[in-house]
């Protein structure tokens, strides 16, 4: 029962994110959201008492996704600066492909100043960026002159600018290239020159579908049409006959297979061609009888 309830809640959050992305927070209605989720309003109110609470849940899921990504990069042993680079690439990819992250940005923008305040996805990722900068400074990975007044203003502004570019319609490949160009310019300002080669500027992994993307349905299998009983033999392709020999008469088509192996009416096998010109002349001059071909062949074998 608990698993089913969580699944229902997850479907409602995804449907809410899709509607908030498509229509905006103010214009998305609860009726549209439950219709997109295939649920009833009763199911929605069981989990969320209002549209505000649903919007908060969308933001919270985006926050959890971001923190899970950062935790995964840390567990992989990446230094804070590399995690910061990877985080910007994750943000760009999610902004392009994931409705939860896209909705998180839009809700935070449209609901700024709301009372009570909505969970602000901007503040979530900005706080994570600053935390990574502090870790890098504590580890001695930053230049001495890269003080808090520089990094705490420059990095959030740069990342915010990349995220805003996603709303102007470029493809993910274009945004990925711009993000890499951003770090090509920023990294020499932040880290010592001798440490530049320690960091990878490209995304950690190739682009992939996000977990919230619905997979395309598999194409339906087409069944081979079945042949009616009794036509299996006649439907077989006839064996090619030797040129110059008359085609065997197939006889009337049968509607069913008679019992017994002797009733098989498959196409006749082609006869062996004459071994030489002399045998061909003998075969032409011989009186045709039912056993003439056998005698001609026997005489040829004896000669």
C-alpha atoms as a PDB file:
ATOM      1  CA  UNK A   1       0.000   0.000   0.000  1.00  0.00           C
ATOM      2  CA  UNK A   2       2.844   2.367   0.880  1.00  0.00           C
ATOM      3  CA  UNK A   3       4.603   1.679  -2.428  1.00  0.00           C
ATOM      4  CA  UNK A   4       1.411   2.374  -4.369  1.00  0.00           C
ATOM      5  CA  UNK A   5       0.912   5.646  -2.498  1.00  0.00           C
ATOM      6  CA  UNK A   6       4.478   6.734  -3.312  1.00  0.00           C
ATOM      7  CA  UNK A   7       3.966   5.859  -6.957  1.00  0.00           C
ATOM      8  CA  UNK A   8       0.778   7.951  -7.069  1.00  0.00           C
ATOM      9  CA  UNK A   9       2.566  10.886  -5.452  1.00  0.00           C
ATOM     10  CA  UNK A  10       5.451  10.603  -7.914  1.00  0.00           C
ATOM     11  CA  UNK A  11       3.063  10.636 -10.891  1.00  0.00           C
ATOM     12  CA  UNK A  12       1.355  13.739  -9.550  1.00  0.00           C
ATOM     13  CA  UNK A  13       4.690  15.527  -9.072  1.00  0.00           C
ATOM     14  CA  UNK A  14       5.753  14.719 -12.642  1.00  0.00           C
ATOM     15  CA  UNK A  15       2.393  15.806 -14.050  1.00  0.00           C
ATOM     16  CA  UNK A  16       2.588  19.025 -12.037  1.00  0.00           C
ATOM     17  CA  UNK A  17       6.102  19.672 -13.329  1.00  0.00           C
ATOM     18  CA  UNK A  18       4.970  19.149 -16.929  1.00  0.00           C
ATOM     19  CA  UNK A  19       2.033  21.547 -16.532  1.00  0.00           C
ATOM     20  CA  UNK A  20       4.111  24.176 -14.712  1.00  0.00           C
ATOM     21  CA  UNK A  21       6.693  24.006 -17.526  1.00  0.00           C
ATOM     22  CA  UNK A  22       4.083  24.213 -20.257  1.00  0.00           C
ATOM     23  CA  UNK A  23       1.661  26.792 -18.850  1.00  0.00           C
ATOM     24  CA  UNK A  24       3.451  28.454 -15.942  1.00  0.00           C
ATOM     25  CA  UNK A  25       2.621  28.244 -12.269  1.00  0.00           C
ATOM     26  CA  UNK A  26      -0.296  30.684 -12.354  1.00  0.00           C
ATOM     27  CA  UNK A  27      -2.027  29.248 -15.441  1.00  0.00           C
ATOM     28  CA  UNK A  28      -1.660  25.527 -14.678  1.00  0.00           C
ATOM     29  CA  UNK A  29      -4.865  24.245 -13.083  1.00  0.00           C
ATOM     30  CA  UNK A  30      -5.353  21.299 -10.788  1.00  0.00           C
ATOM     31  CA  UNK A  31      -7.794  19.824 -13.291  1.00  0.00           C
ATOM     32  CA  UNK A  32      -5.118  19.839 -15.992  1.00  0.00           C
ATOM     33  CA  UNK A  33      -2.598  18.283 -13.625  1.00  0.00           C
ATOM     34  CA  UNK A  34      -4.814  15.391 -12.510  1.00  0.00           C
ATOM     35  CA  UNK A  35      -5.840  14.768 -16.121  1.00  0.00           C
ATOM     36  CA  UNK A  36      -2.171  14.587 -17.167  1.00  0.00           C
ATOM     37  CA  UNK A  37      -1.475  12.186 -14.297  1.00  0.00           C
ATOM     38  CA  UNK A  38      -4.554  10.044 -15.008  1.00  0.00           C
ATOM     39  CA  UNK A  39      -5.722  10.611 -11.421  1.00  0.00           C
ATOM     40  CA  UNK A  40      -8.652  12.202  -9.627  1.00  0.00           C
ATOM     41  CA  UNK A  41      -8.685  15.396  -7.597  1.00  0.00           C
ATOM     42  CA  UNK A  42      -9.329  13.253  -4.531  1.00  0.00           C
ATOM     43  CA  UNK A  43      -5.996  11.497  -5.077  1.00  0.00           C
ATOM     44  CA  UNK A  44      -4.257  14.843  -5.506  1.00  0.00           C
ATOM     45  CA  UNK A  45      -5.749  16.337  -2.333  1.00  0.00           C
ATOM     46  CA  UNK A  46      -4.782  13.215  -0.421  1.00  0.00           C
ATOM     47  CA  UNK A  47      -1.124  14.081  -1.061  1.00  0.00           C
ATOM     48  CA  UNK A  48      -1.188  17.883  -1.529  1.00  0.00           C
ATOM     49  CA  UNK A  49      -3.641  20.247   0.120  1.00  0.00           C
ATOM     50  CA  UNK A  50      -3.061  22.955  -2.510  1.00  0.00           C
ATOM     51  CA  UNK A  51      -1.251  23.836  -5.711  1.00  0.00           C
ATOM     52  CA  UNK A  52       1.347  25.631  -3.597  1.00  0.00           C
ATOM     53  CA  UNK A  53       2.229  22.405  -1.813  1.00  0.00           C
ATOM     54  CA  UNK A  54       2.493  20.568  -5.143  1.00  0.00           C
ATOM     55  CA  UNK A  55       4.843  23.278  -6.428  1.00  0.00           C
ATOM     56  CA  UNK A  56       6.935  22.871  -3.289  1.00  0.00           C
ATOM     57  CA  UNK A  57       7.100  19.120  -3.919  1.00  0.00           C
ATOM     58  CA  UNK A  58       8.333  19.725  -7.483  1.00  0.00           C
ATOM     59  CA  UNK A  59      11.058  22.024  -6.155  1.00  0.00           C
ATOM     60  CA  UNK A  60      12.014  19.554  -3.446  1.00  0.00           C
ATOM     61  CA  UNK A  61      12.388  16.745  -5.958  1.00  0.00           C
ATOM     62  CA  UNK A  62      14.655  18.929  -8.090  1.00  0.00           C
ATOM     63  CA  UNK A  63      16.699  19.716  -4.982  1.00  0.00           C
ATOM     64  CA  UNK A  64      17.011  16.010  -4.131  1.00  0.00           C
ATOM     65  CA  UNK A  65      18.168  15.233  -7.679  1.00  0.00           C
ATOM     66  CA  UNK A  66      20.854  17.905  -7.498  1.00  0.00           C
ATOM     67  CA  UNK A  67      22.134  16.751  -4.112  1.00  0.00           C
ATOM     68  CA  UNK A  68      22.164  13.112  -5.260  1.00  0.00           C
ATOM     69  CA  UNK A  69      24.311  14.074  -8.237  1.00  0.00           C
ATOM     70  CA  UNK A  70      26.792  15.974  -6.087  1.00  0.00           C
ATOM     71  CA  UNK A  71      26.966  13.104  -3.591  1.00  0.00           C
ATOM     72  CA  UNK A  72      27.657  10.658  -6.412  1.00  0.00           C
ATOM     73  CA  UNK A  73      30.546  12.729  -7.753  1.00  0.00           C
ATOM     74  CA  UNK A  74      32.025  13.002  -4.259  1.00  0.00           C
ATOM     75  CA  UNK A  75      31.766   9.253  -3.767  1.00  0.00           C
ATOM     76  CA  UNK A  76      33.586   8.823  -7.079  1.00  0.00           C
ATOM     77  CA  UNK A  77      36.544  10.639  -5.498  1.00  0.00           C
ATOM     78  CA  UNK A  78      36.328  13.813  -7.581  1.00  0.00           C
ATOM     79  CA  UNK A  79      37.920  16.970  -6.054  1.00  0.00           C
ATOM     80  CA  UNK A  80      35.575  19.897  -5.267  1.00  0.00           C
ATOM     81  CA  UNK A  81      36.546  21.920  -8.350  1.00  0.00           C
ATOM     82  CA  UNK A  82      35.811  18.962 -10.631  1.00  0.00           C
ATOM     83  CA  UNK A  83      32.476  18.405  -8.882  1.00  0.00           C
ATOM     84  CA  UNK A  84      31.689  22.070  -9.483  1.00  0.00           C
ATOM     85  CA  UNK A  85      32.453  21.727 -13.206  1.00  0.00           C
ATOM     86  CA  UNK A  86      30.382  18.563 -13.441  1.00  0.00           C
ATOM     87  CA  UNK A  87      27.519  20.224 -11.576  1.00  0.00           C
ATOM     88  CA  UNK A  88      27.255  22.987 -14.159  1.00  0.00           C
ATOM     89  CA  UNK A  89      27.105  20.390 -16.944  1.00  0.00           C
ATOM     90  CA  UNK A  90      24.445  18.449 -15.029  1.00  0.00           C
ATOM     91  CA  UNK A  91      22.429  21.621 -14.546  1.00  0.00           C
ATOM     92  CA  UNK A  92      22.523  22.441 -18.260  1.00  0.00           C
ATOM     93  CA  UNK A  93      21.537  18.918 -19.268  1.00  0.00           C
ATOM     94  CA  UNK A  94      18.735  18.726 -16.711  1.00  0.00           C
ATOM     95  CA  UNK A  95      17.505  22.170 -17.686  1.00  0.00           C
ATOM     96  CA  UNK A  96      17.148  20.919 -21.258  1.00  0.00           C
ATOM     97  CA  UNK A  97      15.754  17.431 -20.625  1.00  0.00           C
ATOM     98  CA  UNK A  98      14.141  17.145 -17.195  1.00  0.00           C
ATOM     99  CA  UNK A  99      10.706  18.714 -16.553  1.00  0.00           C
ATOM    100  CA  UNK A 100      11.243  18.746 -12.777  1.00  0.00           C
ATOM    101  CA  UNK A 101      14.356  20.920 -13.022  1.00  0.00           C
ATOM    102  CA  UNK A 102      12.822  23.145 -15.708  1.00  0.00           C
ATOM    103  CA  UNK A 103       9.702  23.598 -13.586  1.00  0.00           C
ATOM    104  CA  UNK A 104      11.864  24.309 -10.542  1.00  0.00           C
ATOM    105  CA  UNK A 105      13.479  27.276 -12.263  1.00  0.00           C
ATOM    106  CA  UNK A 106      10.173  28.590 -13.589  1.00  0.00           C
ATOM    107  CA  UNK A 107       8.339  28.287 -10.274  1.00  0.00           C
ATOM    108  CA  UNK A 108      11.184  30.033  -8.438  1.00  0.00           C
ATOM    109  CA  UNK A 109      11.055  32.875 -10.969  1.00  0.00           C
ATOM    110  CA  UNK A 110       7.265  33.274 -11.047  1.00  0.00           C
ATOM    111  CA  UNK A 111       6.728  32.844  -7.295  1.00  0.00           C
ATOM    112  CA  UNK A 112       9.481  35.138  -6.059  1.00  0.00           C
ATOM    113  CA  UNK A 113       8.280  37.021  -2.985  1.00  0.00           C
ATOM    114  CA  UNK A 114       5.375  34.674  -2.307  1.00  0.00           C
ATOM    115  CA  UNK A 115       4.218  34.392   1.303  1.00  0.00           C
ATOM    116  CA  UNK A 116       4.765  31.798   2.627  1.00  0.00           C
ATOM    117  CA  UNK A 117       7.928  31.516   0.523  1.00  0.00           C
ATOM    118  CA  UNK A 118       8.154  28.701  -1.988  1.00  0.00           C
ATOM    119  CA  UNK A 119      11.164  26.408  -2.020  1.00  0.00           C
ATOM    120  CA  UNK A 120      13.637  28.269  -4.264  1.00  0.00           C
ATOM    121  CA  UNK A 121      15.632  26.015  -6.589  1.00  0.00           C
ATOM    122  CA  UNK A 122      17.908  28.952  -7.424  1.00  0.00           C
ATOM    123  CA  UNK A 123      18.933  29.196  -3.786  1.00  0.00           C
ATOM    124  CA  UNK A 124      19.474  25.444  -3.590  1.00  0.00           C
ATOM    125  CA  UNK A 125      22.021  25.220  -6.377  1.00  0.00           C
ATOM    126  CA  UNK A 126      23.649  28.535  -5.465  1.00  0.00           C
ATOM    127  CA  UNK A 127      24.209  27.252  -1.919  1.00  0.00           C
ATOM    128  CA  UNK A 128      25.722  24.034  -3.290  1.00  0.00           C
ATOM    129  CA  UNK A 129      28.067  25.987  -5.584  1.00  0.00           C
ATOM    130  CA  UNK A 130      29.308  28.090  -2.666  1.00  0.00           C
ATOM    131  CA  UNK A 131      29.765  24.994  -0.505  1.00  0.00           C
ATOM    132  CA  UNK A 132      31.967  23.400  -3.173  1.00  0.00           C
ATOM    133  CA  UNK A 133      33.988  26.605  -3.471  1.00  0.00           C
ATOM    134  CA  UNK A 134      34.591  26.593   0.303  1.00  0.00           C
ATOM    135  CA  UNK A 135      35.714  22.952   0.146  1.00  0.00           C
ATOM    136  CA  UNK A 136      38.099  23.733  -2.714  1.00  0.00           C
ATOM    137  CA  UNK A 137      39.562  26.689  -0.810  1.00  0.00           C
ATOM    138  CA  UNK A 138      40.015  24.589   2.329  1.00  0.00           C
ATOM    139  CA  UNK A 139      41.825  21.927   0.272  1.00  0.00           C
ATOM    140  CA  UNK A 140      44.203  24.547  -1.174  1.00  0.00           C
ATOM    141  CA  UNK A 141      42.913  24.009  -4.721  1.00  0.00           C
ATOM    142  CA  UNK A 142      42.187  27.706  -5.460  1.00  0.00           C
ATOM    143  CA  UNK A 143      44.542  30.551  -6.249  1.00  0.00           C
ATOM    144  CA  UNK A 144      45.452  32.765  -3.329  1.00  0.00           C
ATOM    145  CA  UNK A 145      43.855  35.822  -4.924  1.00  0.00           C
ATOM    146  CA  UNK A 146      40.575  33.965  -5.633  1.00  0.00           C
ATOM    147  CA  UNK A 147      38.906  35.217  -2.478  1.00  0.00           C
ATOM    148  CA  UNK A 148      35.280  34.813  -1.458  1.00  0.00           C
ATOM    149  CA  UNK A 149      34.334  38.193  -2.921  1.00  0.00           C
ATOM    150  CA  UNK A 150      35.425  36.911  -6.355  1.00  0.00           C
ATOM    151  CA  UNK A 151      34.183  33.341  -6.397  1.00  0.00           C
ATOM    152  CA  UNK A 152      30.929  33.924  -4.525  1.00  0.00           C
ATOM    153  CA  UNK A 153      29.845  36.502  -7.079  1.00  0.00           C
ATOM    154  CA  UNK A 154      31.467  35.229 -10.264  1.00  0.00           C
ATOM    155  CA  UNK A 155      30.522  31.554 -10.151  1.00  0.00           C
ATOM    156  CA  UNK A 156      26.811  31.840  -9.294  1.00  0.00           C
ATOM    157  CA  UNK A 157      26.417  34.592 -11.885  1.00  0.00           C
ATOM    158  CA  UNK A 158      28.149  32.509 -14.544  1.00  0.00           C
ATOM    159  CA  UNK A 159      26.110  29.402 -13.788  1.00  0.00           C
ATOM    160  CA  UNK A 160      22.895  31.449 -13.694  1.00  0.00           C
ATOM    161  CA  UNK A 161      23.750  32.894 -17.093  1.00  0.00           C
ATOM    162  CA  UNK A 162      24.253  29.421 -18.588  1.00  0.00           C
ATOM    163  CA  UNK A 163      20.933  28.278 -17.116  1.00  0.00           C
ATOM    164  CA  UNK A 164      19.181  31.335 -18.554  1.00  0.00           C
ATOM    165  CA  UNK A 165      20.581  30.535 -22.007  1.00  0.00           C
ATOM    166  CA  UNK A 166      18.595  27.297 -21.968  1.00  0.00           C
ATOM    167  CA  UNK A 167      15.403  29.392 -22.255  1.00  0.00           C
ATOM    168  CA  UNK A 168      16.525  30.954 -25.538  1.00  0.00           C
ATOM    169  CA  UNK A 169      16.196  27.720 -27.518  1.00  0.00           C
ATOM    170  CA  UNK A 170      19.719  26.400 -28.182  1.00  0.00           C
ATOM    171  CA  UNK A 171      20.281  22.665 -28.387  1.00  0.00           C
ATOM    172  CA  UNK A 172      21.947  20.710 -25.623  1.00  0.00           C
ATOM    173  CA  UNK A 173      25.080  20.313 -27.756  1.00  0.00           C
ATOM    174  CA  UNK A 174      25.310  24.090 -28.125  1.00  0.00           C
ATOM    175  CA  UNK A 175      24.844  24.657 -24.396  1.00  0.00           C
ATOM    176  CA  UNK A 176      27.393  21.970 -23.578  1.00  0.00           C
ATOM    177  CA  UNK A 177      29.930  23.736 -25.812  1.00  0.00           C
ATOM    178  CA  UNK A 178      29.207  27.080 -24.173  1.00  0.00           C
ATOM    179  CA  UNK A 179      29.569  25.573 -20.717  1.00  0.00           C
ATOM    180  CA  UNK A 180      32.937  24.132 -21.646  1.00  0.00           C
ATOM    181  CA  UNK A 181      34.001  27.507 -23.074  1.00  0.00           C
ATOM    182  CA  UNK A 182      32.920  29.132 -19.809  1.00  0.00           C
ATOM    183  CA  UNK A 183      35.207  26.871 -17.799  1.00  0.00           C
ATOM    184  CA  UNK A 184      38.046  27.342 -20.275  1.00  0.00           C
ATOM    185  CA  UNK A 185      37.952  31.028 -19.321  1.00  0.00           C
ATOM    186  CA  UNK A 186      37.158  30.638 -15.607  1.00  0.00           C
ATOM    187  CA  UNK A 187      39.472  27.842 -14.551  1.00  0.00           C
ATOM    188  CA  UNK A 188      42.795  29.733 -15.025  1.00  0.00           C
ATOM    189  CA  UNK A 189      41.379  32.488 -12.802  1.00  0.00           C
ATOM    190  CA  UNK A 190      40.402  30.059 -10.023  1.00  0.00           C
ATOM    191  CA  UNK A 191      43.158  27.426  -9.828  1.00  0.00           C
ATOM    192  CA  UNK A 192      46.976  27.572 -10.058  1.00  0.00           C
ATOM    193  CA  UNK A 193      48.376  27.278 -13.566  1.00  0.00           C
ATOM    194  CA  UNK A 194      50.136  24.017 -12.801  1.00  0.00           C
ATOM    195  CA  UNK A 195      46.859  22.400 -11.731  1.00  0.00           C
ATOM    196  CA  UNK A 196      44.881  23.079 -14.921  1.00  0.00           C
ATOM    197  CA  UNK A 197      45.553  19.612 -16.323  1.00  0.00           C
ATOM    198  CA  UNK A 198      43.944  17.964 -13.284  1.00  0.00           C
ATOM    199  CA  UNK A 199      40.451  18.952 -14.387  1.00  0.00           C
ATOM    200  CA  UNK A 200      38.171  17.726 -17.133  1.00  0.00           C
ATOM    201  CA  UNK A 201      36.080  20.425 -18.796  1.00  0.00           C
ATOM    202  CA  UNK A 202      33.715  18.100 -20.658  1.00  0.00           C
ATOM    203  CA  UNK A 203      30.737  16.351 -19.006  1.00  0.00           C
ATOM    204  CA  UNK A 204      31.526  13.289 -16.912  1.00  0.00           C
ATOM    205  CA  UNK A 205      29.240  11.032 -18.932  1.00  0.00           C
ATOM    206  CA  UNK A 206      27.716  11.114 -22.411  1.00  0.00           C
ATOM    207  CA  UNK A 207      24.225  12.635 -22.637  1.00  0.00           C
ATOM    208  CA  UNK A 208      21.530  10.244 -21.481  1.00  0.00           C
ATOM    209  CA  UNK A 209      17.799  10.271 -20.939  1.00  0.00           C
ATOM    210  CA  UNK A 210      16.823  11.392 -17.515  1.00  0.00           C
ATOM    211  CA  UNK A 211      14.916   9.200 -15.143  1.00  0.00           C
ATOM    212  CA  UNK A 212      11.745  11.234 -15.632  1.00  0.00           C
ATOM    213  CA  UNK A 213      11.723  10.781 -19.395  1.00  0.00           C
ATOM    214  CA  UNK A 214       9.047   8.364 -20.493  1.00  0.00           C
ATOM    215  CA  UNK A 215      10.559   5.668 -22.758  1.00  0.00           C
ATOM    216  CA  UNK A 216       9.053   5.293 -26.198  1.00  0.00           C
ATOM    217  CA  UNK A 217       6.720   2.298 -26.498  1.00  0.00           C
ATOM    218  CA  UNK A 218       8.145  -0.712 -28.255  1.00  0.00           C
ATOM    219  CA  UNK A 219       6.748  -1.237 -31.762  1.00  0.00           C
ATOM    220  CA  UNK A 220       3.946  -3.747 -31.944  1.00  0.00           C
ATOM    221  CA  UNK A 221       4.861  -7.150 -33.280  1.00  0.00           C
ATOM    222  CA  UNK A 222       3.262  -8.086 -36.571  1.00  0.00           C
ATOM    223  CA  UNK A 223       2.192 -11.695 -36.796  1.00  0.00           C
ATOM    224  CA  UNK A 224       2.808 -13.606 -39.983  1.00  0.00           C
ATOM    225  CA  UNK A 225      -0.496 -14.468 -41.721  1.00  0.00           C
ATOM    226  CA  UNK A 226      -1.258 -18.141 -41.283  1.00  0.00           C
ATOM    227  CA  UNK A 227      -1.921 -20.270 -44.342  1.00  0.00           C
ATOM    228  CA  UNK A 228      -5.164 -22.243 -44.411  1.00  0.00           C
ATOM    229  CA  UNK A 229      -4.964 -25.995 -44.007  1.00  0.00           C
ATOM    230  CA  UNK A 230      -4.350 -27.850 -47.262  1.00  0.00           C
ATOM    231  CA  UNK A 231      -2.568 -24.960 -49.022  1.00  0.00           C
ATOM    232  CA  UNK A 232       0.792 -25.410 -47.390  1.00  0.00           C
ATOM    233  CA  UNK A 233       2.139 -27.587 -50.179  1.00  0.00           C
ATOM    234  CA  UNK A 234       0.823 -25.479 -53.031  1.00  0.00           C
ATOM    235  CA  UNK A 235       2.190 -22.308 -51.373  1.00  0.00           C
ATOM    236  CA  UNK A 236       5.766 -23.630 -51.538  1.00  0.00           C
ATOM    237  CA  UNK A 237       7.886 -22.031 -54.297  1.00  0.00           C
ATOM    238  CA  UNK A 238       8.322 -24.381 -57.229  1.00  0.00           C
ATOM    239  CA  UNK A 239      11.801 -25.683 -57.907  1.00  0.00           C
ATOM    240  CA  UNK A 240      13.368 -24.233 -61.041  1.00  0.00           C
ATOM    241  CA  UNK A 241      13.307 -26.650 -63.936  1.00  0.00           C
ATOM    242  CA  UNK A 242      16.062 -27.247 -66.452  1.00  0.00           C
ATOM    243  CA  UNK A 243      15.679 -25.147 -69.626  1.00  0.00           C
ATOM    244  CA  UNK A 244      14.191 -27.016 -72.529  1.00  0.00           C
ATOM    245  CA  UNK A 245      12.220 -29.528 -70.462  1.00  0.00           C
ATOM    246  CA  UNK A 246       8.447 -29.195 -70.277  1.00  0.00           C
ATOM    247  CA  UNK A 247       7.063 -28.127 -66.941  1.00  0.00           C
ATOM    248  CA  UNK A 248       5.346 -30.839 -64.992  1.00  0.00           C
ATOM    249  CA  UNK A 249       1.618 -30.501 -64.611  1.00  0.00           C
ATOM    250  CA  UNK A 250       0.751 -29.515 -61.077  1.00  0.00           C
ATOM    251  CA  UNK A 251      -2.720 -30.967 -61.309  1.00  0.00           C
ATOM    252  CA  UNK A 252      -5.786 -29.525 -59.609  1.00  0.00           C
ATOM    253  CA  UNK A 253      -5.206 -27.668 -56.338  1.00  0.00           C
ATOM    254  CA  UNK A 254      -6.107 -29.673 -53.275  1.00  0.00           C
ATOM    255  CA  UNK A 255      -8.127 -28.204 -50.474  1.00  0.00           C
ATOM    256  CA  UNK A 256      -6.715 -30.476 -47.769  1.00  0.00           C
ATOM    257  CA  UNK A 257      -3.815 -32.805 -47.246  1.00  0.00           C
ATOM    258  CA  UNK A 258      -4.848 -36.458 -47.647  1.00  0.00           C
ATOM    259  CA  UNK A 259      -3.701 -38.875 -44.990  1.00  0.00           C
ATOM    260  CA  UNK A 260      -0.570 -40.944 -45.617  1.00  0.00           C
ATOM    261  CA  UNK A 261       2.894 -40.080 -46.861  1.00  0.00           C
ATOM    262  CA  UNK A 262       2.133 -41.179 -50.443  1.00  0.00           C
ATOM    263  CA  UNK A 263      -0.207 -38.224 -50.912  1.00  0.00           C
ATOM    264  CA  UNK A 264       2.621 -35.618 -50.917  1.00  0.00           C
ATOM    265  CA  UNK A 265       2.197 -33.669 -54.124  1.00  0.00           C
ATOM    266  CA  UNK A 266       5.277 -31.437 -54.051  1.00  0.00           C
ATOM    267  CA  UNK A 267       6.933 -30.269 -57.285  1.00  0.00           C
ATOM    268  CA  UNK A 268       8.848 -32.902 -59.251  1.00  0.00           C
ATOM    269  CA  UNK A 269      12.606 -32.837 -58.977  1.00  0.00           C
ATOM    270  CA  UNK A 270      14.401 -31.801 -62.188  1.00  0.00           C
ATOM    271  CA  UNK A 271      15.758 -34.648 -64.284  1.00  0.00           C
ATOM    272  CA  UNK A 272      19.480 -35.057 -64.728  1.00  0.00           C
ATOM    273  CA  UNK A 273      20.687 -33.568 -68.037  1.00  0.00           C
ATOM    274  CA  UNK A 274      22.159 -35.919 -70.666  1.00  0.00           C
ATOM    275  CA  UNK A 275      25.772 -36.774 -69.972  1.00  0.00           C
ATOM    276  CA  UNK A 276      26.839 -36.086 -73.581  1.00  0.00           C
ATOM    277  CA  UNK A 277      25.609 -35.258 -77.096  1.00  0.00           C
ATOM    278  CA  UNK A 278      25.471 -38.948 -78.036  1.00  0.00           C
ATOM    279  CA  UNK A 279      23.167 -39.748 -75.145  1.00  0.00           C
ATOM    280  CA  UNK A 280      20.955 -36.815 -76.173  1.00  0.00           C
ATOM    281  CA  UNK A 281      20.635 -38.280 -79.719  1.00  0.00           C
ATOM    282  CA  UNK A 282      19.815 -41.748 -78.353  1.00  0.00           C
ATOM    283  CA  UNK A 283      17.156 -40.258 -76.110  1.00  0.00           C
ATOM    284  CA  UNK A 284      15.614 -38.389 -79.054  1.00  0.00           C
ATOM    285  CA  UNK A 285      15.488 -41.466 -81.349  1.00  0.00           C
ATOM    286  CA  UNK A 286      14.179 -43.925 -78.765  1.00  0.00           C
ATOM    287  CA  UNK A 287      10.501 -44.931 -78.807  1.00  0.00           C
ATOM    288  CA  UNK A 288       8.942 -43.193 -75.790  1.00  0.00           C
ATOM    289  CA  UNK A 289       7.796 -45.723 -73.291  1.00  0.00           C
ATOM    290  CA  UNK A 290       7.304 -45.346 -69.540  1.00  0.00           C
ATOM    291  CA  UNK A 291      10.720 -46.981 -68.955  1.00  0.00           C
ATOM    292  CA  UNK A 292      12.678 -45.449 -71.884  1.00  0.00           C
ATOM    293  CA  UNK A 293      14.700 -42.999 -69.800  1.00  0.00           C
ATOM    294  CA  UNK A 294      15.761 -45.781 -67.466  1.00  0.00           C
ATOM    295  CA  UNK A 295      16.954 -48.012 -70.370  1.00  0.00           C
ATOM    296  CA  UNK A 296      18.852 -45.177 -72.020  1.00  0.00           C
ATOM    297  CA  UNK A 297      20.616 -44.354 -68.796  1.00  0.00           C
ATOM    298  CA  UNK A 298      21.349 -48.055 -68.168  1.00  0.00           C
ATOM    299  CA  UNK A 299      22.832 -48.407 -71.666  1.00  0.00           C
ATOM    300  CA  UNK A 300      24.932 -45.370 -71.148  1.00  0.00           C
ATOM    301  CA  UNK A 301      26.232 -46.731 -67.906  1.00  0.00           C
ATOM    302  CA  UNK A 302      27.078 -50.061 -69.506  1.00  0.00           C
ATOM    303  CA  UNK A 303      28.903 -48.368 -72.425  1.00  0.00           C
END
